[in-house]
Protein backbone atom coordinates (compact mmCIF):
# COMPACT_ATOMS: atom_id res chain seq x y z
CA UNK A 1 -0.01 0.06 0.02
CA UNK A 2 1.62 3.40 -0.85
CA UNK A 3 0.02 6.57 -0.09
CA UNK A 4 -0.75 9.27 -2.71
CA UNK A 5 1.03 11.59 -1.33
CA UNK A 6 4.38 10.67 -0.18
CA UNK A 7 5.11 10.72 3.53
CA UNK A 8 7.42 14.02 3.66
CA UNK A 9 10.35 12.67 5.85
CA UNK A 10 13.28 14.18 7.75
CA UNK A 11 16.05 12.36 9.39
CA UNK A 12 17.88 13.82 12.36
CA UNK A 13 21.43 12.43 12.39
CA UNK A 14 23.78 11.14 9.31
CA UNK A 15 25.85 9.22 11.32
CA UNK A 16 26.17 5.40 10.87
CA UNK A 17 22.21 5.22 12.00
CA UNK A 18 20.89 7.90 9.62
CA UNK A 19 23.22 6.95 6.74
CA UNK A 20 22.87 3.31 6.56
CA UNK A 21 19.91 2.30 8.58
CA UNK A 22 17.24 5.01 7.77
CA UNK A 23 17.82 6.97 4.59
CA UNK A 24 18.35 4.34 1.92
CA UNK A 25 15.23 2.50 3.14
CA UNK A 26 13.16 5.54 3.27
CA UNK A 27 14.80 7.05 -0.28
CA UNK A 28 13.80 3.53 -1.76
CA UNK A 29 10.57 3.13 -0.53
CA UNK A 30 7.71 5.50 -3.09
CA UNK A 31 5.71 5.64 -0.02
CA UNK A 32 8.21 8.23 1.27
CA UNK A 33 9.85 11.50 0.56
CA UNK A 34 13.44 12.06 2.02
CA UNK A 35 12.44 15.77 2.11
CA UNK A 36 15.25 16.76 5.06
CA UNK A 37 18.70 15.54 6.71
CA UNK A 38 20.11 17.32 9.95
CA UNK A 39 24.10 16.75 10.28
CA UNK A 40 26.04 19.76 11.80
CA UNK A 41 29.28 17.44 10.26
CA UNK A 42 30.65 19.07 7.17
CA UNK A 43 31.77 15.95 5.73
CA UNK A 44 28.30 14.05 6.43
CA UNK A 45 26.91 16.96 4.93
CA UNK A 46 28.55 16.59 1.76
CA UNK A 47 27.82 13.16 1.69
CA UNK A 48 24.33 13.84 2.20
CA UNK A 49 23.75 16.09 -0.75
CA UNK A 50 25.87 13.80 -3.18
CA UNK A 51 23.16 10.89 -2.41
CA UNK A 52 20.38 12.68 -1.54
CA UNK A 53 19.87 15.65 -3.87
CA UNK A 54 16.22 16.49 -3.42
CA UNK A 55 16.50 16.32 0.32
CA UNK A 56 17.24 20.17 2.08
CA UNK A 57 20.22 19.96 4.35
CA UNK A 58 20.26 21.29 7.51
CA UNK A 59 22.22 21.27 11.02
CA UNK A 60 20.07 20.57 14.16
CA UNK A 61 17.07 18.37 14.63
CA UNK A 62 15.92 22.15 15.98
CA UNK A 63 16.01 23.26 12.46
CA UNK A 64 13.67 20.09 11.34
CA UNK A 65 11.07 20.96 14.09
CA UNK A 66 11.44 24.59 12.55
CA UNK A 67 10.10 23.08 9.38
CA UNK A 68 7.54 20.46 11.08
CA UNK A 69 4.63 22.36 8.80
CA UNK A 70 6.44 21.01 5.57
CA UNK A 71 7.01 17.46 7.15
CA UNK A 72 5.01 14.61 8.45
CA UNK A 73 7.50 12.29 10.09
CA UNK A 74 10.99 12.30 11.66
CA UNK A 75 13.27 9.52 12.25
CA UNK A 76 15.75 10.60 15.13
CA UNK A 77 19.14 8.76 14.78
CA UNK A 78 20.64 11.29 17.27
CA UNK A 79 22.57 9.94 20.71
CA UNK A 80 20.19 8.42 23.19
CA UNK A 81 20.04 11.16 25.64
CA UNK A 82 18.74 13.31 23.22
CA UNK A 83 15.98 10.79 22.30
CA UNK A 84 13.29 12.23 25.03
CA UNK A 85 13.25 15.74 24.60
CA UNK A 86 13.43 15.37 20.87
CA UNK A 87 10.45 12.79 20.58
CA UNK A 88 8.59 14.88 22.86
CA UNK A 89 9.24 18.61 20.92
CA UNK A 90 8.23 16.40 17.81
CA UNK A 91 4.93 14.91 18.94
CA UNK A 92 4.07 18.42 20.22
CA UNK A 93 5.09 19.89 16.61
CA UNK A 94 2.60 17.65 14.92
CA UNK A 95 4.71 15.12 13.81
CA UNK A 96 5.18 11.24 13.51
CA UNK A 97 8.57 10.12 15.17
CA UNK A 98 10.67 6.97 14.55
CA UNK A 99 13.35 6.80 17.22
CA UNK A 100 16.29 4.71 17.14
CA UNK A 101 16.59 1.97 19.88
CA UNK A 102 17.25 2.51 22.77
CA UNK A 103 14.21 4.40 22.72
CA UNK A 104 15.04 6.13 25.80
CA UNK A 105 17.56 6.28 28.79
CA UNK A 106 14.78 5.49 31.40
CA UNK A 107 11.33 3.30 31.13
CA UNK A 108 9.16 6.21 32.66
CA UNK A 109 10.23 8.51 30.19
CA UNK A 110 9.38 5.93 27.18
CA UNK A 111 5.51 5.49 29.01
CA UNK A 112 5.56 9.21 29.30
CA UNK A 113 5.93 9.54 25.56
CA UNK A 114 3.78 6.67 24.51
CA UNK A 115 0.77 8.24 26.50
CA UNK A 116 1.73 11.90 25.31
CA UNK A 117 1.55 10.02 21.16
CA UNK A 118 -1.90 8.63 22.15
CA UNK A 119 -2.81 11.89 23.71
CA UNK A 120 -1.70 13.92 20.32
CA UNK A 121 -3.13 11.01 17.82
CA UNK A 122 0.54 10.63 16.73
CA UNK A 123 2.26 7.90 15.55
CA UNK A 124 5.37 6.69 17.52
CA UNK A 125 7.63 3.48 16.81
CA UNK A 126 10.86 2.46 17.69
CA UNK A 127 13.54 1.27 15.16
CA UNK A 128 14.26 -2.56 16.41
CA UNK A 129 15.59 -3.31 12.72
CA UNK A 130 17.15 -6.66 14.22
CA UNK A 131 13.62 -8.22 14.10
CA UNK A 132 14.36 -8.40 10.35
CA UNK A 133 17.96 -9.66 10.59
CA UNK A 134 18.22 -12.50 8.38
CA UNK A 135 19.11 -15.10 11.07
CA UNK A 136 16.54 -14.12 13.48
CA UNK A 137 13.73 -14.21 11.05
CA UNK A 138 15.53 -17.65 10.41
CA UNK A 139 15.10 -18.82 14.07
CA UNK A 140 11.39 -16.95 14.09
CA UNK A 141 10.44 -19.60 11.60
CA UNK A 142 12.07 -22.80 13.14
CA UNK A 143 10.21 -21.48 16.58
CA UNK A 144 6.91 -20.99 14.25
CA UNK A 145 7.02 -24.68 12.82
CA UNK A 146 7.37 -26.12 16.09
CA UNK A 147 10.58 -28.05 14.67
CA UNK A 148 12.38 -27.76 17.77
CA UNK A 149 9.81 -28.88 20.07
CA UNK A 150 8.83 -27.10 23.40
CA UNK A 151 12.16 -24.61 23.34
CA UNK A 152 13.87 -24.55 27.06
CA UNK A 153 17.10 -22.42 26.56
CA UNK A 154 17.62 -19.59 24.70
CA UNK A 155 21.26 -18.20 23.97
CA UNK A 156 21.69 -15.00 22.15
CA UNK A 157 24.73 -12.89 21.46
CA UNK A 158 26.32 -10.01 19.71
CA UNK A 159 30.33 -10.29 20.05
CA UNK A 160 32.89 -7.56 18.80
CA UNK A 161 36.40 -7.04 18.73
CA UNK A 162 36.49 -3.11 19.34
CA UNK A 163 38.75 -1.92 21.38
CA UNK A 164 38.74 1.63 20.68
CA UNK A 165 35.80 3.73 20.45
CA UNK A 166 35.23 5.49 17.69
CA UNK A 167 32.68 7.83 18.36
CA UNK A 168 33.27 10.97 20.56
CA UNK A 169 29.79 10.60 22.28
CA UNK A 170 30.01 6.91 22.87
CA UNK A 171 33.40 7.39 24.35
CA UNK A 172 32.13 10.05 27.07
CA UNK A 173 28.50 8.86 27.84
CA UNK A 174 27.60 7.07 30.93
CA UNK A 175 24.96 4.81 31.69
CA UNK A 176 22.99 7.46 33.00
CA UNK A 177 23.16 9.04 29.52
CA UNK A 178 22.66 6.19 27.34
CA UNK A 179 26.17 5.07 26.74
CA UNK A 180 27.46 1.72 26.65
CA UNK A 181 26.94 -1.75 24.95
CA UNK A 182 23.86 -2.67 26.86
CA UNK A 183 21.92 0.15 25.65
CA UNK A 184 23.41 -0.09 22.29
CA UNK A 185 23.31 -3.98 21.23
CA UNK A 186 21.74 -5.17 23.92
CA UNK A 187 18.34 -3.59 23.23
CA UNK A 188 18.50 -5.40 20.34
CA UNK A 189 19.12 -8.95 21.76
CA UNK A 190 16.92 -8.45 24.82
CA UNK A 191 13.84 -7.21 22.29
CA UNK A 192 14.42 -11.06 20.36
CA UNK A 193 14.28 -12.82 23.80
CA UNK A 194 10.77 -11.09 24.56
CA UNK A 195 9.77 -11.12 20.89
CA UNK A 196 10.57 -15.09 20.70
CA UNK A 197 8.99 -16.30 24.10
CA UNK A 198 7.60 -13.34 25.92
CA UNK A 199 7.55 -11.62 29.14
CA UNK A 200 10.76 -12.17 31.10
CA UNK A 201 12.40 -11.12 34.35
CA UNK A 202 16.82 -11.01 35.04
CA UNK A 203 17.79 -13.13 37.44
CA UNK A 204 21.42 -12.70 37.05
CA UNK A 205 23.50 -9.95 35.62
CA UNK A 206 27.15 -9.22 34.93
CA UNK A 207 28.16 -5.62 33.63
CA UNK A 208 31.73 -4.76 33.13
CA UNK A 209 33.44 -1.79 32.01
CA UNK A 210 36.91 -3.39 30.41
CA UNK A 211 38.45 -0.71 27.80
CA UNK A 212 39.95 2.26 29.39
CA UNK A 213 37.93 4.74 27.75
CA UNK A 214 34.74 3.34 28.40
CA UNK A 215 32.09 5.25 30.86
CA UNK A 216 29.58 2.64 31.05
CA UNK A 217 29.93 -0.56 29.58
CA UNK A 218 31.00 -2.81 27.20
CA UNK A 219 30.81 -6.58 28.58
CA UNK A 220 27.85 -7.58 29.73
CA UNK A 221 26.18 -11.15 30.21
CA UNK A 222 22.71 -11.76 31.43
CA UNK A 223 20.45 -14.68 32.47
CA UNK A 224 16.49 -14.41 31.94
CA UNK A 225 13.56 -16.36 32.77
CA UNK A 226 10.57 -16.09 30.69
CA UNK A 227 7.18 -16.62 32.00
CA UNK A 228 6.96 -19.37 29.23
CA UNK A 229 9.82 -21.22 31.12
CA UNK A 230 12.43 -20.28 28.76
CA UNK A 231 15.85 -19.38 30.15
CA UNK A 232 17.57 -16.86 27.85
CA UNK A 233 21.27 -16.31 28.25
CA UNK A 234 22.42 -12.81 27.07
CA UNK A 235 25.89 -11.92 26.09
CA UNK A 236 26.72 -8.84 24.70
CA UNK A 237 30.76 -7.72 24.07
CA UNK A 238 33.01 -5.51 22.57
CA UNK A 239 36.34 -7.38 23.88
CA UNK A 240 35.73 -10.70 21.70
CA UNK A 241 38.37 -11.67 19.59
CA UNK A 242 36.45 -15.06 19.43
CA UNK A 243 32.81 -14.57 19.03
CA UNK A 244 30.66 -16.89 20.01
CA UNK A 245 27.08 -18.40 18.47
CA UNK A 246 24.60 -15.46 17.53
CA UNK A 247 21.69 -17.94 18.28
CA UNK A 248 21.81 -21.25 19.96
CA UNK A 249 18.30 -22.31 20.68
CA UNK A 250 17.86 -25.72 22.25
CA UNK A 251 14.14 -27.73 22.72
CA UNK A 252 12.79 -31.37 23.70
CA UNK A 253 12.98 -32.26 19.72
CA UNK A 254 16.16 -30.46 18.69
CA UNK A 255 18.68 -27.77 18.90
CA UNK A 256 19.75 -24.82 16.14
CA UNK A 257 23.24 -23.02 16.31
CA UNK A 258 24.17 -20.11 14.14
CA UNK A 259 27.14 -18.21 14.04
CA UNK A 260 28.26 -14.84 11.92
CA UNK A 261 26.84 -11.70 11.16
CA UNK A 262 23.56 -10.21 9.35
CA UNK A 263 24.65 -9.37 5.92
CA UNK A 264 22.54 -6.09 5.36
CA UNK A 265 24.25 -3.28 7.23
CA UNK A 266 27.95 -4.48 5.60
CA UNK A 267 25.94 -4.44 2.37
CA UNK A 268 24.75 -1.11 2.55
CA UNK A 269 27.96 0.28 3.88
CA UNK A 270 30.09 -1.38 1.10
CA UNK A 271 27.52 0.86 -1.61
CA UNK A 272 24.64 -1.79 -2.12
CA UNK A 273 20.89 -0.76 -1.74
CA UNK A 274 18.36 -2.45 -0.37
CA UNK A 275 16.72 -2.68 -3.54
CA UNK A 276 19.09 -4.61 -5.24
CA UNK A 277 18.23 -8.46 -6.01
CA UNK A 278 21.35 -9.59 -3.69
CA UNK A 279 20.54 -7.51 -0.75
CA UNK A 280 19.75 -9.52 2.53
CA UNK A 281 21.10 -12.79 1.13
CA UNK A 282 23.58 -14.65 3.26
CA UNK A 283 26.32 -17.24 1.46
CA UNK A 284 25.63 -20.41 1.93
CA UNK A 285 28.65 -21.11 3.97
CA UNK A 286 27.50 -19.10 7.07
CA UNK A 287 24.06 -21.00 7.30
CA UNK A 288 23.04 -22.21 10.57
CA UNK A 289 23.18 -25.84 11.98
CA UNK A 290 20.34 -27.77 12.61
CA UNK A 291 20.49 -31.30 15.19
CA UNK A 292 17.22 -33.41 15.19
CA UNK A 293 17.49 -37.35 16.34
CA UNK A 294 21.12 -36.77 16.24
CA UNK A 295 21.42 -35.87 12.56
CA UNK A 296 22.69 -32.64 11.28
CA UNK A 297 21.46 -30.63 8.54
CA UNK A 298 22.32 -26.88 7.04
CA UNK A 299 19.59 -24.71 7.55
CA UNK A 300 19.36 -21.94 4.25
CA UNK A 301 18.96 -18.38 6.13
CA UNK A 302 15.96 -16.49 5.25
CA UNK A 303 16.74 -13.17 3.55
CA UNK A 304 17.06 -10.37 5.71
CA UNK A 305 14.50 -7.80 5.54
CA UNK A 306 15.12 -4.63 7.24
CA UNK A 307 12.81 -2.73 4.44
CA UNK A 308 10.02 -4.47 6.09
CA UNK A 309 10.06 -1.93 9.10
CA UNK A 310 9.49 1.16 6.71
CA UNK A 311 6.89 -0.90 4.35
CA UNK A 312 4.87 -1.39 7.75
CA UNK A 313 4.95 2.10 8.92
CA UNK A 314 3.83 3.47 5.54
CA UNK A 315 0.87 1.02 5.61
CA UNK A 316 0.25 2.40 9.41
CA UNK A 317 0.34 6.00 8.68
CA UNK A 318 -1.68 5.81 5.01
CA UNK A 319 -4.48 3.95 6.58
CA UNK A 320 -5.04 6.70 8.93
CA UNK A 321 -2.45 6.47 11.96
CA UNK A 322 -3.31 6.01 14.96
CA UNK A 323 -7.01 5.93 14.09
CA UNK A 324 -5.97 2.43 12.03
CA UNK A 325 -6.08 -1.27 13.20
CA UNK A 326 -3.14 -2.05 11.52
CA UNK A 327 -0.05 -2.50 13.71
CA UNK A 328 2.88 -0.48 14.20
CA UNK A 329 6.01 -2.29 13.06
CA UNK A 330 7.22 -1.88 16.47
CA UNK A 331 5.07 -1.28 19.56
CA UNK A 332 7.11 1.24 21.92
CA UNK A 333 5.42 -0.62 24.63
CA UNK A 334 7.95 -3.49 23.60
CA UNK A 335 10.90 -1.16 23.90
CA UNK A 336 9.58 -0.08 27.02
CA UNK A 337 9.58 -3.72 28.36
CA UNK A 338 13.48 -3.72 27.20
CA UNK A 339 14.11 -0.78 29.21
CA UNK A 340 12.81 -2.34 32.31
CA UNK A 341 14.71 -5.65 31.96
CA UNK A 342 18.13 -3.02 31.56
CA UNK A 343 16.90 -1.35 34.85
CA UNK A 344 16.39 -5.16 36.46
CA UNK A 345 20.24 -5.98 35.16
CA UNK A 346 21.51 -2.57 36.54
CA UNK A 347 20.07 -3.26 39.99
CA UNK A 348 21.44 -6.80 40.15
CA UNK A 349 24.69 -6.02 38.88
């Protein structure tokens, strides 16, 4: 479903988030018009002008808000500490809002913004794009089919070797300001755990800062117990030379393990477009392994599908926004539930 009038969209921030995870998908979907990009960095401004000559380039998110009468939607790819005030201001300016993860720094802020969006009749959603990772879609397919039987244990990890902190705001941001790997990659894996197996409580937490320049955390392990009975083990680590599995799922009928990194981010970073035929396709050598009755087979990985987020959002907006019965691509209540898990973890660590 596409709008007769494209959804006039602004992207605030043109670092990795804005340039790789948002702008290409907005520009590649005819339901949207990428109208404004905000970045104060001259090199990023030049890159934005080259890639999206139709977009107006401004310096700050506040410059976008000054143009609210000419826009329908703002996408916030700015540092986490800015998410609450910018989302509040955007909603009050009459805009629908996509907030990159983490939604906000405190769950109470997220609940307040949800109430405000409902009061104002505005669409508010959170960019939990890892739901459409190729390997996450593969796990979802196995779960939906009941291939593994009753799942008892779920292990999910995002591990990298990143001894240096490339972004100045990340080096300086404390946990109170939304810094650290738990707010960054942790919001992804916790969202998947809740999506797959339902509500949970953190029963054990290790939260460490190992890099000398780290102001928050970069090595995290959490144990969760879901109301469904599943136990989840969550690992997020930026100090890992040897990465563990991305997923390991154990059930009464079998098990599945998958290593590697979703192909979508590196593909776009390498200059590819979401509309390319080969987008989101993982090489066969990276496929996961399924074991049933002592026999191991390779499971072809589903095609990665980040464009689904903006497709679903356009359908929601075009169908009347908050008046529509269509679901949001991501319910912000899901992201608030993730923040509550993070708050539980910090209280335990």
